[in-house]
Amino acid sequence: MRFLLLDESVNMLDSGEMEKQLSNFQKWLNGLGNWFLSILPNIIISLLIFIAGWWAIKLIMKVMNRALEKSSVDKSVYTFLDSVVKTVLWICLGICILAEMGMNVSTLIAGVSAAAVTIGLALKDSLSNVASGTLIIINRKFKTGDFIETEGIIGEVIKIEMMYTTLRTYDYKEVMIPNSRLTTNNIINHFTFEARRLEIPVAISYGQDYDKARNVIMKVLADDERILDDRPNRVIIDTFAESGVNLIVWLWCRSELYWPVLFDTKVNIKKALDAAGVEIPFNQIDVHFDGDFNAKLDALGGNRKGEDRP
């Protein structure tokens, strides 16, 4: 009997506790419903702002992309501006939505700014690369497709990104250079101008006729349509070397034809000089004996009695 009364008391306590929890849960649901109803207008307005902002961003990007296409800007500039403008517009739209939802935007911006300063101190090298990438895009000292030389590296610019610029060397190696190094070191752009001057060294023997060699080389230049005839193409004497006379051939061509013209002209000059009988020297030592060779040997004691003379 005692145990039955104890069980009934426990059941009554459990029922009361459950009713209390259900009552609290119902109050929480009512509070949540009231809160939702109170912010429902803000949610609807925020949703409308999002839809309108999304449509406006698409329209702005479409207009900007058409303008960039008509202006024929470099591909790297196009990609950079597209990503930057799109990011800025979406951030502005997000701030407007958060402000409409009742959040303290000024506090949020202050917090983000403080976090940005902390992250910036930790990533100062990366931010330096980003800033340098921005300067490269704005100043346009080089662009995609140019051949540049820096720190002994020569290659074609295939991609300009926010932190790195990627080059492709002549032997098809990919080199990624931090943008900060490109803005602090010297850069040689091989294709800034429409035309480039090529310098080809050519050597002839001392016994050869310079005027003949010059005429042969100038004919080679005149026969190649890729070599510009409105620029001063020349053949001049550079130095008098041990084995021959070193010439320098100056010729001009369009920048995009630099390498094929350089390689082909070297071959054409060699063939033309060979056909004309103009000797190209190689390192050698010529020994000359003046007068009677045997007499000199006798004077030096080189011939002994009873030996045959050559």
C-alpha atoms as a PDB file:
ATOM      1  CA  MET A   1       0.000   0.000   0.000  1.00  0.00           C
ATOM      2  CA  ARG A   2       2.854   2.339   0.869  1.00  0.00           C
ATOM      3  CA  PHE A   3       4.521   1.676  -2.506  1.00  0.00           C
ATOM      4  CA  LEU A   4       1.320   2.398  -4.409  1.00  0.00           C
ATOM      5  CA  LEU A   5       0.976   5.786  -2.743  1.00  0.00           C
ATOM      6  CA  LEU A   6       4.632   6.554  -3.538  1.00  0.00           C
ATOM      7  CA  ASP A   7       4.150   5.668  -7.227  1.00  0.00           C
ATOM      8  CA  GLU A   8       1.072   7.847  -7.455  1.00  0.00           C
ATOM      9  CA  SER A   9       3.038  10.796  -5.958  1.00  0.00           C
ATOM     10  CA  VAL A  10       5.869  10.325  -8.424  1.00  0.00           C
ATOM     11  CA  ASN A  11       3.428  10.203 -11.339  1.00  0.00           C
ATOM     12  CA  MET A  12       1.747  13.359 -10.141  1.00  0.00           C
ATOM     13  CA  LEU A  13       5.127  15.137  -9.907  1.00  0.00           C
ATOM     14  CA  ASP A  14       6.127  13.960 -13.383  1.00  0.00           C
ATOM     15  CA  SER A  15       2.814  15.126 -14.803  1.00  0.00           C
ATOM     16  CA  GLY A  16       3.203  18.533 -13.209  1.00  0.00           C
ATOM     17  CA  GLU A  17       6.779  18.881 -14.468  1.00  0.00           C
ATOM     18  CA  MET A  18       5.739  17.914 -17.982  1.00  0.00           C
ATOM     19  CA  GLU A  19       2.858  20.371 -17.935  1.00  0.00           C
ATOM     20  CA  LYS A  20       5.287  23.063 -16.792  1.00  0.00           C
ATOM     21  CA  GLN A  21       7.738  22.260 -19.584  1.00  0.00           C
ATOM     22  CA  LEU A  22       4.931  22.187 -22.141  1.00  0.00           C
ATOM     23  CA  SER A  23       3.733  25.538 -20.881  1.00  0.00           C
ATOM     24  CA  ASN A  24       7.225  27.003 -21.161  1.00  0.00           C
ATOM     25  CA  PHE A  25       7.638  25.538 -24.650  1.00  0.00           C
ATOM     26  CA  GLN A  26       4.270  26.988 -25.675  1.00  0.00           C
ATOM     27  CA  LYS A  27       5.327  30.393 -24.356  1.00  0.00           C
ATOM     28  CA  TRP A  28       8.591  30.108 -26.308  1.00  0.00           C
ATOM     29  CA  LEU A  29       6.678  29.223 -29.462  1.00  0.00           C
ATOM     30  CA  ASN A  30       4.310  32.130 -28.916  1.00  0.00           C
ATOM     31  CA  GLY A  31       7.251  34.452 -28.389  1.00  0.00           C
ATOM     32  CA  LEU A  32       8.965  33.137 -31.498  1.00  0.00           C
ATOM     33  CA  GLY A  33       5.759  33.595 -33.490  1.00  0.00           C
ATOM     34  CA  ASN A  34       5.322  37.131 -32.229  1.00  0.00           C
ATOM     35  CA  TRP A  35       8.975  37.926 -33.007  1.00  0.00           C
ATOM     36  CA  PHE A  36       8.639  36.464 -36.490  1.00  0.00           C
ATOM     37  CA  LEU A  37       5.463  38.477 -37.112  1.00  0.00           C
ATOM     38  CA  SER A  38       7.213  41.606 -35.915  1.00  0.00           C
ATOM     39  CA  ILE A  39      10.141  41.155 -38.311  1.00  0.00           C
ATOM     40  CA  LEU A  40       8.067  39.741 -41.149  1.00  0.00           C
ATOM     41  CA  PRO A  41       7.775  43.144 -42.853  1.00  0.00           C
ATOM     42  CA  ASN A  42      11.541  43.570 -42.623  1.00  0.00           C
ATOM     43  CA  ILE A  43      12.074  40.082 -44.098  1.00  0.00           C
ATOM     44  CA  ILE A  44       9.756  40.865 -46.993  1.00  0.00           C
ATOM     45  CA  ILE A  45      11.457  44.206 -47.626  1.00  0.00           C
ATOM     46  CA  SER A  46      14.904  42.569 -47.355  1.00  0.00           C
ATOM     47  CA  LEU A  47      13.824  39.912 -49.832  1.00  0.00           C
ATOM     48  CA  LEU A  48      12.632  42.593 -52.224  1.00  0.00           C
ATOM     49  CA  ILE A  49      15.923  44.474 -51.734  1.00  0.00           C
ATOM     50  CA  PHE A  50      17.857  41.277 -52.494  1.00  0.00           C
ATOM     51  CA  ILE A  51      15.881  40.615 -55.680  1.00  0.00           C
ATOM     52  CA  ALA A  52      16.192  44.222 -56.833  1.00  0.00           C
ATOM     53  CA  GLY A  53      19.879  44.342 -55.926  1.00  0.00           C
ATOM     54  CA  TRP A  54      20.598  41.030 -57.661  1.00  0.00           C
ATOM     55  CA  TRP A  55      18.891  42.305 -60.804  1.00  0.00           C
ATOM     56  CA  ALA A  56      20.712  45.649 -60.563  1.00  0.00           C
ATOM     57  CA  ILE A  57      24.125  43.925 -60.148  1.00  0.00           C
ATOM     58  CA  LYS A  58      23.484  41.784 -63.208  1.00  0.00           C
ATOM     59  CA  LEU A  59      22.484  44.870 -65.188  1.00  0.00           C
ATOM     60  CA  ILE A  60      25.521  46.865 -64.030  1.00  0.00           C
ATOM     61  CA  MET A  61      27.912  44.018 -64.816  1.00  0.00           C
ATOM     62  CA  LYS A  62      26.324  43.517 -68.224  1.00  0.00           C
ATOM     63  CA  VAL A  63      26.673  47.197 -69.105  1.00  0.00           C
ATOM     64  CA  MET A  64      30.249  47.296 -67.799  1.00  0.00           C
ATOM     65  CA  ASN A  65      31.256  44.151 -69.708  1.00  0.00           C
ATOM     66  CA  ARG A  66      29.849  45.563 -72.950  1.00  0.00           C
ATOM     67  CA  ALA A  67      31.761  48.789 -72.388  1.00  0.00           C
ATOM     68  CA  LEU A  68      34.978  46.859 -71.712  1.00  0.00           C
ATOM     69  CA  GLU A  69      34.498  44.748 -74.825  1.00  0.00           C
ATOM     70  CA  LYS A  70      34.019  47.860 -76.974  1.00  0.00           C
ATOM     71  CA  SER A  71      37.123  49.470 -75.477  1.00  0.00           C
ATOM     72  CA  SER A  72      39.230  46.375 -76.290  1.00  0.00           C
ATOM     73  CA  VAL A  73      40.953  46.370 -72.915  1.00  0.00           C
ATOM     74  CA  ASP A  74      43.444  43.689 -72.007  1.00  0.00           C
ATOM     75  CA  LYS A  75      41.990  40.400 -70.803  1.00  0.00           C
ATOM     76  CA  SER A  76      43.731  40.697 -67.438  1.00  0.00           C
ATOM     77  CA  VAL A  77      42.177  44.138 -66.838  1.00  0.00           C
ATOM     78  CA  TYR A  78      38.765  42.828 -67.869  1.00  0.00           C
ATOM     79  CA  THR A  79      38.921  39.911 -65.414  1.00  0.00           C
ATOM     80  CA  PHE A  80      40.291  42.070 -62.608  1.00  0.00           C
ATOM     81  CA  LEU A  81      37.622  44.761 -62.909  1.00  0.00           C
ATOM     82  CA  ASP A  82      34.854  42.189 -63.247  1.00  0.00           C
ATOM     83  CA  SER A  83      35.786  40.435 -59.994  1.00  0.00           C
ATOM     84  CA  VAL A  84      36.447  43.634 -58.025  1.00  0.00           C
ATOM     85  CA  VAL A  85      33.274  45.468 -59.060  1.00  0.00           C
ATOM     86  CA  LYS A  86      31.112  42.398 -58.526  1.00  0.00           C
ATOM     87  CA  THR A  87      32.553  41.843 -55.036  1.00  0.00           C
ATOM     88  CA  VAL A  88      32.049  45.483 -54.017  1.00  0.00           C
ATOM     89  CA  LEU A  89      28.444  45.514 -55.252  1.00  0.00           C
ATOM     90  CA  TRP A  90      27.540  42.332 -53.378  1.00  0.00           C
ATOM     91  CA  ILE A  91      29.113  43.667 -50.175  1.00  0.00           C
ATOM     92  CA  CYS A  92      27.059  46.861 -50.463  1.00  0.00           C
ATOM     93  CA  LEU A  93      23.915  44.832 -51.069  1.00  0.00           C
ATOM     94  CA  GLY A  94      24.634  42.661 -48.021  1.00  0.00           C
ATOM     95  CA  ILE A  95      25.103  45.722 -45.807  1.00  0.00           C
ATOM     96  CA  CYS A  96      21.762  47.163 -46.989  1.00  0.00           C
ATOM     97  CA  ILE A  97      19.956  43.901 -46.217  1.00  0.00           C
ATOM     98  CA  LEU A  98      21.518  43.620 -42.758  1.00  0.00           C
ATOM     99  CA  ALA A  99      20.581  47.230 -42.000  1.00  0.00           C
ATOM    100  CA  GLU A 100      16.980  46.558 -43.033  1.00  0.00           C
ATOM    101  CA  MET A 101      16.892  43.506 -40.759  1.00  0.00           C
ATOM    102  CA  GLY A 102      17.660  45.790 -37.832  1.00  0.00           C
ATOM    103  CA  MET A 103      21.291  44.899 -37.263  1.00  0.00           C
ATOM    104  CA  ASN A 104      23.710  47.591 -36.109  1.00  0.00           C
ATOM    105  CA  VAL A 105      25.697  47.963 -39.297  1.00  0.00           C
ATOM    106  CA  SER A 106      28.156  50.470 -37.833  1.00  0.00           C
ATOM    107  CA  THR A 107      29.184  47.967 -35.165  1.00  0.00           C
ATOM    108  CA  LEU A 108      29.499  45.252 -37.800  1.00  0.00           C
ATOM    109  CA  ILE A 109      31.647  47.467 -39.994  1.00  0.00           C
ATOM    110  CA  ALA A 110      33.840  48.398 -37.024  1.00  0.00           C
ATOM    111  CA  GLY A 111      34.297  44.747 -36.148  1.00  0.00           C
ATOM    112  CA  VAL A 112      35.117  43.799 -39.713  1.00  0.00           C
ATOM    113  CA  SER A 113      37.566  46.702 -39.930  1.00  0.00           C
ATOM    114  CA  ALA A 114      39.330  45.607 -36.751  1.00  0.00           C
ATOM    115  CA  ALA A 115      39.519  42.052 -38.033  1.00  0.00           C
ATOM    116  CA  ALA A 116      40.811  43.329 -41.376  1.00  0.00           C
ATOM    117  CA  VAL A 117      43.599  45.280 -39.624  1.00  0.00           C
ATOM    118  CA  THR A 118      44.632  42.195 -37.652  1.00  0.00           C
ATOM    119  CA  ILE A 119      44.572  39.986 -40.723  1.00  0.00           C
ATOM    120  CA  GLY A 120      46.408  42.653 -42.698  1.00  0.00           C
ATOM    121  CA  LEU A 121      49.281  42.709 -40.202  1.00  0.00           C
ATOM    122  CA  ALA A 122      49.540  38.935 -40.381  1.00  0.00           C
ATOM    123  CA  LEU A 123      49.332  38.865 -44.172  1.00  0.00           C
ATOM    124  CA  LYS A 124      51.273  42.015 -45.024  1.00  0.00           C
ATOM    125  CA  ASP A 125      53.343  40.233 -47.695  1.00  0.00           C
ATOM    126  CA  SER A 126      50.234  38.881 -49.382  1.00  0.00           C
ATOM    127  CA  LEU A 127      48.552  42.288 -49.220  1.00  0.00           C
ATOM    128  CA  SER A 128      51.679  43.809 -50.728  1.00  0.00           C
ATOM    129  CA  ASN A 129      51.308  41.415 -53.647  1.00  0.00           C
ATOM    130  CA  VAL A 130      47.640  42.369 -53.992  1.00  0.00           C
ATOM    131  CA  ALA A 131      48.480  46.085 -53.984  1.00  0.00           C
ATOM    132  CA  SER A 132      51.254  45.494 -56.514  1.00  0.00           C
ATOM    133  CA  GLY A 133      48.865  43.512 -58.704  1.00  0.00           C
ATOM    134  CA  THR A 134      46.461  46.439 -58.624  1.00  0.00           C
ATOM    135  CA  LEU A 135      49.259  48.813 -59.663  1.00  0.00           C
ATOM    136  CA  ILE A 136      50.246  46.499 -62.506  1.00  0.00           C
ATOM    137  CA  ILE A 137      46.668  46.430 -63.779  1.00  0.00           C
ATOM    138  CA  ILE A 138      46.250  50.205 -63.474  1.00  0.00           C
ATOM    139  CA  ASN A 139      49.636  51.281 -64.859  1.00  0.00           C
ATOM    140  CA  ARG A 140      49.656  48.614 -67.593  1.00  0.00           C
ATOM    141  CA  LYS A 141      53.451  48.485 -67.866  1.00  0.00           C
ATOM    142  CA  PHE A 142      52.932  45.064 -69.426  1.00  0.00           C
ATOM    143  CA  LYS A 143      49.946  42.973 -70.407  1.00  0.00           C
ATOM    144  CA  THR A 144      48.996  39.435 -71.267  1.00  0.00           C
ATOM    145  CA  GLY A 145      50.935  38.230 -74.300  1.00  0.00           C
ATOM    146  CA  ASP A 146      53.998  40.456 -73.737  1.00  0.00           C
ATOM    147  CA  PHE A 147      57.492  39.019 -73.411  1.00  0.00           C
ATOM    148  CA  ILE A 148      59.125  40.478 -70.325  1.00  0.00           C
ATOM    149  CA  GLU A 149      62.468  39.975 -68.626  1.00  0.00           C
ATOM    150  CA  THR A 150      63.062  40.355 -64.901  1.00  0.00           C
ATOM    151  CA  GLU A 151      65.611  38.884 -62.492  1.00  0.00           C
ATOM    152  CA  GLY A 152      67.129  36.884 -65.343  1.00  0.00           C
ATOM    153  CA  ILE A 153      63.776  35.297 -66.230  1.00  0.00           C
ATOM    154  CA  ILE A 154      62.409  35.789 -69.756  1.00  0.00           C
ATOM    155  CA  GLY A 155      58.943  34.635 -70.712  1.00  0.00           C
ATOM    156  CA  GLU A 156      55.506  35.407 -72.065  1.00  0.00           C
ATOM    157  CA  VAL A 157      52.928  36.843 -69.683  1.00  0.00           C
ATOM    158  CA  ILE A 158      50.040  34.374 -69.723  1.00  0.00           C
ATOM    159  CA  LYS A 159      48.147  35.470 -66.616  1.00  0.00           C
ATOM    160  CA  ILE A 160      48.061  38.464 -64.264  1.00  0.00           C
ATOM    161  CA  GLU A 161      46.323  37.701 -60.977  1.00  0.00           C
ATOM    162  CA  MET A 162      45.900  39.596 -57.746  1.00  0.00           C
ATOM    163  CA  MET A 163      48.947  38.051 -56.050  1.00  0.00           C
ATOM    164  CA  TYR A 164      51.021  36.449 -58.800  1.00  0.00           C
ATOM    165  CA  THR A 165      51.930  36.992 -62.429  1.00  0.00           C
ATOM    166  CA  THR A 166      52.522  33.814 -64.426  1.00  0.00           C
ATOM    167  CA  LEU A 167      55.136  33.638 -67.192  1.00  0.00           C
ATOM    168  CA  ARG A 168      55.743  30.911 -69.760  1.00  0.00           C
ATOM    169  CA  THR A 169      59.406  30.574 -70.682  1.00  0.00           C
ATOM    170  CA  TYR A 170      60.705  29.657 -74.130  1.00  0.00           C
ATOM    171  CA  ASP A 171      61.106  26.028 -73.105  1.00  0.00           C
ATOM    172  CA  TYR A 172      57.521  25.987 -71.787  1.00  0.00           C
ATOM    173  CA  LYS A 173      58.136  26.221 -68.079  1.00  0.00           C
ATOM    174  CA  GLU A 174      55.594  28.018 -65.938  1.00  0.00           C
ATOM    175  CA  VAL A 175      57.057  30.641 -63.612  1.00  0.00           C
ATOM    176  CA  MET A 176      54.910  32.347 -60.968  1.00  0.00           C
ATOM    177  CA  ILE A 177      56.390  35.652 -59.785  1.00  0.00           C
ATOM    178  CA  PRO A 178      54.956  37.591 -56.806  1.00  0.00           C
ATOM    179  CA  ASN A 179      53.582  40.912 -57.982  1.00  0.00           C
ATOM    180  CA  SER A 180      55.554  42.844 -55.365  1.00  0.00           C
ATOM    181  CA  ARG A 181      58.809  41.776 -57.032  1.00  0.00           C
ATOM    182  CA  LEU A 182      57.566  42.980 -60.398  1.00  0.00           C
ATOM    183  CA  THR A 183      56.869  46.466 -59.039  1.00  0.00           C
ATOM    184  CA  THR A 184      60.178  46.799 -57.172  1.00  0.00           C
ATOM    185  CA  ASN A 185      62.605  45.280 -59.721  1.00  0.00           C
ATOM    186  CA  ASN A 186      63.590  46.372 -63.206  1.00  0.00           C
ATOM    187  CA  ILE A 187      61.449  44.948 -66.023  1.00  0.00           C
ATOM    188  CA  ILE A 188      62.368  44.786 -69.698  1.00  0.00           C
ATOM    189  CA  ASN A 189      59.325  44.593 -71.959  1.00  0.00           C
ATOM    190  CA  HIS A 190      60.425  43.211 -75.310  1.00  0.00           C
ATOM    191  CA  PHE A 191      57.178  44.084 -77.085  1.00  0.00           C
ATOM    192  CA  THR A 192      56.311  47.607 -75.958  1.00  0.00           C
ATOM    193  CA  PHE A 193      56.858  49.094 -79.428  1.00  0.00           C
ATOM    194  CA  GLU A 194      55.572  47.946 -82.795  1.00  0.00           C
ATOM    195  CA  ALA A 195      59.070  47.374 -84.250  1.00  0.00           C
ATOM    196  CA  ARG A 196      62.246  45.919 -82.769  1.00  0.00           C
ATOM    197  CA  ARG A 197      65.858  46.035 -83.857  1.00  0.00           C
ATOM    198  CA  LEU A 198      67.748  42.776 -84.105  1.00  0.00           C
ATOM    199  CA  GLU A 199      71.521  42.503 -83.718  1.00  0.00           C
ATOM    200  CA  ILE A 200      73.246  39.546 -85.367  1.00  0.00           C
ATOM    201  CA  PRO A 201      77.024  39.114 -84.990  1.00  0.00           C
ATOM    202  CA  VAL A 202      78.846  37.861 -88.109  1.00  0.00           C
ATOM    203  CA  ALA A 203      82.608  37.239 -88.453  1.00  0.00           C
ATOM    204  CA  ILE A 204      84.686  37.168 -91.656  1.00  0.00           C
ATOM    205  CA  SER A 205      88.353  36.338 -92.189  1.00  0.00           C
ATOM    206  CA  TYR A 206      90.906  39.108 -92.500  1.00  0.00           C
ATOM    207  CA  GLY A 207      91.591  38.099 -96.074  1.00  0.00           C
ATOM    208  CA  GLN A 208      87.990  38.602 -97.174  1.00  0.00           C
ATOM    209  CA  ASP A 209      86.582  41.706 -98.847  1.00  0.00           C
ATOM    210  CA  TYR A 210      84.430  43.663 -96.389  1.00  0.00           C
ATOM    211  CA  ASP A 211      82.424  45.411 -99.113  1.00  0.00           C
ATOM    212  CA  LYS A 212      81.611  42.084-100.739  1.00  0.00           C
ATOM    213  CA  ALA A 213      80.475  40.561 -97.451  1.00  0.00           C
ATOM    214  CA  ARG A 214      78.422  43.643 -96.656  1.00  0.00           C
ATOM    215  CA  ASN A 215      76.661  43.567-100.048  1.00  0.00           C
ATOM    216  CA  VAL A 216      75.864  39.873 -99.658  1.00  0.00           C
ATOM    217  CA  ILE A 217      74.325  40.429 -96.217  1.00  0.00           C
ATOM    218  CA  MET A 218      72.379  43.523 -97.307  1.00  0.00           C
ATOM    219  CA  LYS A 219      70.880  41.531-100.188  1.00  0.00           C
ATOM    220  CA  VAL A 220      69.712  38.901 -97.722  1.00  0.00           C
ATOM    221  CA  LEU A 221      67.958  41.626 -95.732  1.00  0.00           C
ATOM    222  CA  ALA A 222      66.407  43.178 -98.844  1.00  0.00           C
ATOM    223  CA  ASP A 223      65.024  39.831-100.037  1.00  0.00           C
ATOM    224  CA  ASP A 224      63.120  39.172 -96.786  1.00  0.00           C
ATOM    225  CA  GLU A 225      59.736  40.941 -96.852  1.00  0.00           C
ATOM    226  CA  ARG A 226      59.418  40.661 -93.085  1.00  0.00           C
ATOM    227  CA  ILE A 227      62.394  42.988 -92.570  1.00  0.00           C
ATOM    228  CA  LEU A 228      61.285  46.623 -92.529  1.00  0.00           C
ATOM    229  CA  ASP A 229      62.885  48.763 -95.222  1.00  0.00           C
ATOM    230  CA  ASP A 230      61.811  52.087 -93.705  1.00  0.00           C
ATOM    231  CA  ARG A 231      64.269  51.655 -90.833  1.00  0.00           C
ATOM    232  CA  PRO A 232      68.104  51.881 -90.989  1.00  0.00           C
ATOM    233  CA  ASN A 233      69.290  48.301 -91.636  1.00  0.00           C
ATOM    234  CA  ARG A 234      73.075  48.254 -91.466  1.00  0.00           C
ATOM    235  CA  VAL A 235      76.190  46.084 -91.562  1.00  0.00           C
ATOM    236  CA  ILE A 236      79.050  47.629 -89.583  1.00  0.00           C
ATOM    237  CA  ILE A 237      82.453  46.547 -88.274  1.00  0.00           C
ATOM    238  CA  ASP A 238      82.357  45.900 -84.551  1.00  0.00           C
ATOM    239  CA  THR A 239      85.825  44.685 -83.516  1.00  0.00           C
ATOM    240  CA  PHE A 240      89.045  43.352 -84.973  1.00  0.00           C
ATOM    241  CA  ALA A 241      89.423  39.973 -83.290  1.00  0.00           C
ATOM    242  CA  GLU A 242      92.345  37.531 -83.270  1.00  0.00           C
ATOM    243  CA  SER A 243      90.960  35.312 -86.020  1.00  0.00           C
ATOM    244  CA  GLY A 244      88.873  37.711 -88.068  1.00  0.00           C
ATOM    245  CA  VAL A 245      86.768  40.842 -88.352  1.00  0.00           C
ATOM    246  CA  ASN A 246      83.573  40.842 -86.271  1.00  0.00           C
ATOM    247  CA  LEU A 247      80.610  42.491 -87.956  1.00  0.00           C
ATOM    248  CA  ILE A 248      77.263  43.530 -86.492  1.00  0.00           C
ATOM    249  CA  VAL A 249      74.114  43.270 -88.598  1.00  0.00           C
ATOM    250  CA  TRP A 250      71.309  45.634 -87.576  1.00  0.00           C
ATOM    251  CA  LEU A 251      67.852  44.963 -88.954  1.00  0.00           C
ATOM    252  CA  TRP A 252      64.297  45.908 -88.018  1.00  0.00           C
ATOM    253  CA  CYS A 253      61.101  43.858 -87.987  1.00  0.00           C
ATOM    254  CA  ARG A 254      57.701  43.916 -86.340  1.00  0.00           C
ATOM    255  CA  SER A 255      57.828  42.914 -82.686  1.00  0.00           C
ATOM    256  CA  GLU A 256      55.634  39.836 -83.082  1.00  0.00           C
ATOM    257  CA  LEU A 257      57.987  38.509 -85.809  1.00  0.00           C
ATOM    258  CA  TYR A 258      61.165  38.942 -83.782  1.00  0.00           C
ATOM    259  CA  TRP A 259      62.031  35.288 -83.187  1.00  0.00           C
ATOM    260  CA  PRO A 260      61.245  33.807 -86.629  1.00  0.00           C
ATOM    261  CA  VAL A 261      63.076  36.677 -88.364  1.00  0.00           C
ATOM    262  CA  LEU A 262      66.082  36.276 -86.048  1.00  0.00           C
ATOM    263  CA  PHE A 263      66.398  32.531 -86.609  1.00  0.00           C
ATOM    264  CA  ASP A 264      65.744  32.627 -90.371  1.00  0.00           C
ATOM    265  CA  THR A 265      68.096  35.554 -90.995  1.00  0.00           C
ATOM    266  CA  LYS A 266      71.007  33.779 -89.314  1.00  0.00           C
ATOM    267  CA  VAL A 267      70.512  30.758 -91.579  1.00  0.00           C
ATOM    268  CA  ASN A 268      70.100  32.907 -94.702  1.00  0.00           C
ATOM    269  CA  ILE A 269      73.260  34.918 -93.983  1.00  0.00           C
ATOM    270  CA  LYS A 270      75.314  31.741 -93.488  1.00  0.00           C
ATOM    271  CA  LYS A 271      74.062  30.237 -96.749  1.00  0.00           C
ATOM    272  CA  ALA A 272      74.606  33.473 -98.694  1.00  0.00           C
ATOM    273  CA  LEU A 273      78.186  33.912 -97.443  1.00  0.00           C
ATOM    274  CA  ASP A 274      79.015  30.305 -98.284  1.00  0.00           C
ATOM    275  CA  ALA A 275      77.567  30.692-101.780  1.00  0.00           C
ATOM    276  CA  ALA A 276      79.569  33.896-102.336  1.00  0.00           C
ATOM    277  CA  GLY A 277      82.804  32.284-101.139  1.00  0.00           C
ATOM    278  CA  VAL A 278      83.167  34.576 -98.139  1.00  0.00           C
ATOM    279  CA  GLU A 279      85.082  32.687 -95.463  1.00  0.00           C
ATOM    280  CA  ILE A 280      83.812  32.673 -91.900  1.00  0.00           C
ATOM    281  CA  PRO A 281      86.875  32.231 -89.624  1.00  0.00           C
ATOM    282  CA  PHE A 282      87.489  29.826 -86.801  1.00  0.00           C
ATOM    283  CA  ASN A 283      90.154  29.940 -84.109  1.00  0.00           C
ATOM    284  CA  GLN A 284      93.514  28.983 -85.618  1.00  0.00           C
ATOM    285  CA  ILE A 285      97.247  29.778 -85.414  1.00  0.00           C
ATOM    286  CA  ASP A 286      99.223  30.519 -88.591  1.00  0.00           C
ATOM    287  CA  VAL A 287     103.051  30.020 -88.398  1.00  0.00           C
ATOM    288  CA  HIS A 288     105.120  31.784 -91.104  1.00  0.00           C
ATOM    289  CA  PHE A 289     108.872  31.257 -91.832  1.00  0.00           C
ATOM    290  CA  ASP A 290     110.705  34.007 -93.671  1.00  0.00           C
ATOM    291  CA  GLY A 291     113.818  33.138 -95.770  1.00  0.00           C
ATOM    292  CA  ASP A 292     115.673  29.847 -95.877  1.00  0.00           C
ATOM    293  CA  PHE A 293     114.310  27.422 -93.315  1.00  0.00           C
ATOM    294  CA  ASN A 294     117.512  25.282 -93.236  1.00  0.00           C
ATOM    295  CA  ALA A 295     119.729  28.328 -92.781  1.00  0.00           C
ATOM    296  CA  LYS A 296     117.756  29.319 -89.738  1.00  0.00           C
ATOM    297  CA  LEU A 297     118.076  25.833 -88.328  1.00  0.00           C
ATOM    298  CA  ASP A 298     121.868  25.970 -88.865  1.00  0.00           C
ATOM    299  CA  ALA A 299     122.027  29.287 -87.093  1.00  0.00           C
ATOM    300  CA  LEU A 300     120.124  27.805 -84.151  1.00  0.00           C
ATOM    301  CA  GLY A 301     122.259  24.631 -84.145  1.00  0.00           C
ATOM    302  CA  GLY A 302     119.296  22.571 -85.200  1.00  0.00           C
ATOM    303  CA  ASN A 303     121.196  20.626 -87.937  1.00  0.00           C
ATOM    304  CA  ARG A 304     123.934  18.203 -86.960  1.00  0.00           C
ATOM    305  CA  LYS A 305     126.682  16.934 -89.176  1.00  0.00           C
ATOM    306  CA  GLY A 306     125.849  13.875 -91.234  1.00  0.00           C
ATOM    307  CA  GLU A 307     122.054  14.329 -90.923  1.00  0.00           C
ATOM    308  CA  ASP A 308     119.869  14.727 -93.957  1.00  0.00           C
ATOM    309  CA  ARG A 309     118.202  18.020 -94.422  1.00  0.00           C
ATOM    310  CA  PRO A 310     114.555  18.206 -95.310  1.00  0.00           C
END
